[in-house]
């Protein structure tokens, strides 16, 4: 949050907290839909398994663009 200008900090702080709040609100819905504890754990942790690959893909795209510009 310190990386943005002082003008944008309130909006960014609100956006971050909205994302966390939505995650907390979706947990009971997910638990209600997936009654079995095993599938609830699979659904709750699967974004954590996919996220590193998304980050690597974005970094590779950024590095490719940076190399082309240089």
N, C-alpha and C. Protein backbone atom coordinates (compact mmCIF):
# COMPACT_ATOMS: atom_id res chain seq x y z
N UNK A 1 0.82 -1.18 0.00
CA UNK A 1 0.00 0.00 0.00
C UNK A 1 0.86 1.25 0.00
N UNK A 2 2.07 1.14 0.53
CA UNK A 2 2.95 2.30 0.55
C UNK A 2 3.54 2.59 -0.83
N UNK A 3 3.32 1.71 -1.78
CA UNK A 3 3.88 1.91 -3.11
C UNK A 3 3.04 2.84 -3.98
N UNK A 4 1.83 3.14 -3.55
CA UNK A 4 0.97 4.04 -4.33
C UNK A 4 1.05 5.43 -3.74
N UNK A 5 0.60 6.38 -4.50
CA UNK A 5 0.61 7.76 -4.02
C UNK A 5 -0.35 7.98 -2.87
N UNK A 6 -0.12 9.05 -2.16
CA UNK A 6 -0.93 9.35 -0.98
C UNK A 6 -2.39 9.58 -1.36
N UNK A 7 -2.62 10.03 -2.56
CA UNK A 7 -3.98 10.30 -3.02
C UNK A 7 -4.79 9.02 -3.17
N UNK A 8 -4.14 7.91 -3.54
CA UNK A 8 -4.85 6.67 -3.83
C UNK A 8 -4.91 5.70 -2.65
N UNK A 9 -4.27 6.02 -1.55
CA UNK A 9 -4.21 5.09 -0.42
C UNK A 9 -5.57 4.76 0.19
N UNK A 10 -6.47 5.72 0.39
CA UNK A 10 -7.77 5.33 0.96
C UNK A 10 -8.54 4.36 0.07
N UNK A 11 -8.54 4.59 -1.22
CA UNK A 11 -9.24 3.69 -2.15
C UNK A 11 -8.60 2.32 -2.20
N UNK A 12 -7.28 2.27 -2.18
CA UNK A 12 -6.58 0.99 -2.21
C UNK A 12 -6.81 0.21 -0.92
N UNK A 13 -6.78 0.91 0.21
CA UNK A 13 -7.04 0.25 1.49
C UNK A 13 -8.44 -0.33 1.54
N UNK A 14 -9.41 0.40 1.00
CA UNK A 14 -10.78 -0.09 0.95
C UNK A 14 -10.88 -1.30 0.04
N UNK A 15 -10.23 -1.26 -1.12
CA UNK A 15 -10.28 -2.39 -2.06
C UNK A 15 -9.67 -3.64 -1.45
N UNK A 16 -8.58 -3.49 -0.72
CA UNK A 16 -7.95 -4.65 -0.08
C UNK A 16 -8.88 -5.26 0.95
N UNK A 17 -9.50 -4.40 1.77
CA UNK A 17 -10.39 -4.91 2.81
C UNK A 17 -11.66 -5.52 2.22
N UNK A 18 -12.14 -4.99 1.11
CA UNK A 18 -13.31 -5.58 0.45
C UNK A 18 -12.97 -6.98 -0.05
N UNK A 19 -11.79 -7.17 -0.58
CA UNK A 19 -11.39 -8.50 -1.06
C UNK A 19 -11.34 -9.49 0.10
N UNK A 20 -10.78 -9.10 1.24
CA UNK A 20 -10.76 -9.99 2.40
C UNK A 20 -12.17 -10.27 2.91
N UNK A 21 -13.00 -9.25 2.94
CA UNK A 21 -14.38 -9.43 3.42
C UNK A 21 -15.16 -10.37 2.53
N UNK A 22 -14.98 -10.27 1.22
CA UNK A 22 -15.67 -11.19 0.31
C UNK A 22 -15.20 -12.62 0.53
N UNK A 23 -13.92 -12.79 0.79
CA UNK A 23 -13.40 -14.13 1.08
C UNK A 23 -14.01 -14.71 2.33
N UNK A 24 -14.13 -13.89 3.37
CA UNK A 24 -14.75 -14.35 4.62
C UNK A 24 -16.23 -14.66 4.42
N UNK A 25 -16.90 -13.88 3.60
CA UNK A 25 -18.33 -14.12 3.38
C UNK A 25 -18.57 -15.35 2.51
N UNK A 26 -17.63 -15.67 1.64
CA UNK A 26 -17.82 -16.82 0.77
C UNK A 26 -17.52 -18.15 1.47
N UNK A 27 -16.79 -18.12 2.56
CA UNK A 27 -16.47 -19.35 3.28
C UNK A 27 -17.72 -20.10 3.76
N UNK A 28 -18.70 -19.45 4.41
CA UNK A 28 -19.90 -20.19 4.82
C UNK A 28 -20.71 -20.71 3.64
N UNK A 29 -20.74 -19.96 2.56
CA UNK A 29 -21.47 -20.42 1.36
C UNK A 29 -20.81 -21.67 0.81
N UNK A 30 -19.50 -21.65 0.76
CA UNK A 30 -18.76 -22.82 0.28
C UNK A 30 -18.97 -24.01 1.21
N UNK A 31 -18.97 -23.77 2.50
CA UNK A 31 -19.19 -24.86 3.45
C UNK A 31 -20.61 -25.41 3.36
N UNK A 32 -21.57 -24.55 3.08
CA UNK A 32 -22.96 -25.01 2.95
C UNK A 32 -23.15 -25.85 1.69
N UNK A 33 -22.52 -25.41 0.60
CA UNK A 33 -22.66 -26.14 -0.67
C UNK A 33 -21.90 -27.47 -0.66
N UNK A 34 -20.74 -27.48 -0.03
CA UNK A 34 -19.92 -28.69 0.02
C UNK A 34 -19.98 -29.24 1.44
N UNK A 35 -20.91 -30.12 1.69
CA UNK A 35 -21.13 -30.62 3.05
C UNK A 35 -19.99 -31.53 3.53
N UNK A 36 -19.34 -32.21 2.61
CA UNK A 36 -18.25 -33.10 3.00
C UNK A 36 -16.99 -32.28 3.29
N UNK A 37 -16.37 -32.56 4.42
CA UNK A 37 -15.21 -31.79 4.84
C UNK A 37 -14.04 -31.93 3.87
N UNK A 38 -13.86 -33.09 3.28
CA UNK A 38 -12.75 -33.30 2.35
C UNK A 38 -12.87 -32.38 1.14
N UNK A 39 -14.05 -32.32 0.53
CA UNK A 39 -14.23 -31.50 -0.66
C UNK A 39 -14.20 -30.01 -0.33
N UNK A 40 -14.62 -29.68 0.89
CA UNK A 40 -14.51 -28.29 1.34
C UNK A 40 -13.04 -27.88 1.41
N UNK A 41 -12.20 -28.75 1.96
CA UNK A 41 -10.77 -28.45 2.04
C UNK A 41 -10.14 -28.36 0.65
N UNK A 42 -10.56 -29.23 -0.24
CA UNK A 42 -10.03 -29.19 -1.62
C UNK A 42 -10.42 -27.88 -2.28
N UNK A 43 -11.68 -27.48 -2.15
CA UNK A 43 -12.14 -26.24 -2.78
C UNK A 43 -11.51 -25.01 -2.13
N UNK A 44 -11.28 -25.06 -0.84
CA UNK A 44 -10.71 -23.90 -0.14
C UNK A 44 -9.22 -23.73 -0.41
N UNK A 45 -8.50 -24.82 -0.65
CA UNK A 45 -7.06 -24.72 -0.86
C UNK A 45 -6.64 -24.72 -2.32
N UNK A 46 -7.52 -25.05 -3.23
CA UNK A 46 -7.13 -25.11 -4.64
C UNK A 46 -6.66 -23.76 -5.19
N UNK A 47 -7.22 -22.62 -4.81
CA UNK A 47 -6.64 -21.35 -5.30
C UNK A 47 -5.19 -21.17 -4.87
N UNK A 48 -4.83 -21.68 -3.69
CA UNK A 48 -3.44 -21.57 -3.23
C UNK A 48 -2.50 -22.44 -4.05
N UNK A 49 -3.02 -23.49 -4.64
CA UNK A 49 -2.19 -24.35 -5.49
C UNK A 49 -2.02 -23.77 -6.88
N UNK A 50 -2.98 -23.00 -7.35
CA UNK A 50 -2.95 -22.44 -8.69
C UNK A 50 -2.23 -21.09 -8.72
N UNK A 51 -2.32 -20.33 -7.64
CA UNK A 51 -1.78 -18.98 -7.61
C UNK A 51 -0.29 -18.88 -7.96
N UNK A 52 0.59 -19.76 -7.46
CA UNK A 52 2.01 -19.64 -7.84
C UNK A 52 2.24 -19.76 -9.35
N UNK A 53 1.47 -20.59 -10.02
CA UNK A 53 1.62 -20.73 -11.46
C UNK A 53 1.16 -19.47 -12.19
N UNK A 54 0.13 -18.83 -11.67
CA UNK A 54 -0.32 -17.57 -12.27
C UNK A 54 0.75 -16.50 -12.09
N UNK A 55 1.34 -16.44 -10.92
CA UNK A 55 2.40 -15.46 -10.66
C UNK A 55 3.59 -15.71 -11.59
N UNK A 56 3.98 -16.97 -11.75
CA UNK A 56 5.10 -17.28 -12.64
C UNK A 56 4.77 -16.90 -14.08
N UNK A 57 3.55 -17.14 -14.52
CA UNK A 57 3.15 -16.79 -15.88
C UNK A 57 3.22 -15.28 -16.09
N UNK A 58 2.72 -14.53 -15.13
CA UNK A 58 2.74 -13.07 -15.26
C UNK A 58 4.17 -12.56 -15.25
N UNK A 59 5.03 -13.12 -14.40
CA UNK A 59 6.42 -12.70 -14.38
C UNK A 59 7.11 -13.02 -15.70
N UNK A 60 6.81 -14.18 -16.27
CA UNK A 60 7.42 -14.52 -17.55
C UNK A 60 6.96 -13.56 -18.65
N UNK A 61 5.70 -13.18 -18.62
CA UNK A 61 5.19 -12.21 -19.60
C UNK A 61 5.88 -10.87 -19.42
N UNK A 62 6.04 -10.46 -18.17
CA UNK A 62 6.70 -9.19 -17.89
C UNK A 62 8.16 -9.21 -18.34
N UNK A 63 8.86 -10.31 -18.06
CA UNK A 63 10.26 -10.42 -18.47
C UNK A 63 10.39 -10.44 -19.98
N UNK A 64 9.45 -11.10 -20.65
CA UNK A 64 9.49 -11.15 -22.11
C UNK A 64 9.32 -9.75 -22.69
N UNK A 65 8.38 -9.00 -22.16
CA UNK A 65 8.15 -7.63 -22.63
C UNK A 65 9.36 -6.77 -22.31
N UNK A 66 9.95 -6.93 -21.12
CA UNK A 66 11.11 -6.13 -20.74
C UNK A 66 12.30 -6.43 -21.64
N UNK A 67 12.49 -7.69 -22.01
CA UNK A 67 13.61 -8.03 -22.90
C UNK A 67 13.40 -7.49 -24.30
N UNK A 68 12.17 -7.48 -24.77
CA UNK A 68 11.90 -6.94 -26.10
C UNK A 68 12.13 -5.45 -26.12
N UNK A 69 11.78 -4.75 -25.07
CA UNK A 69 11.96 -3.30 -25.00
C UNK A 69 13.43 -2.95 -24.95
N UNK A 70 14.22 -3.76 -24.24
CA UNK A 70 15.66 -3.46 -24.15
C UNK A 70 16.29 -3.75 -25.48
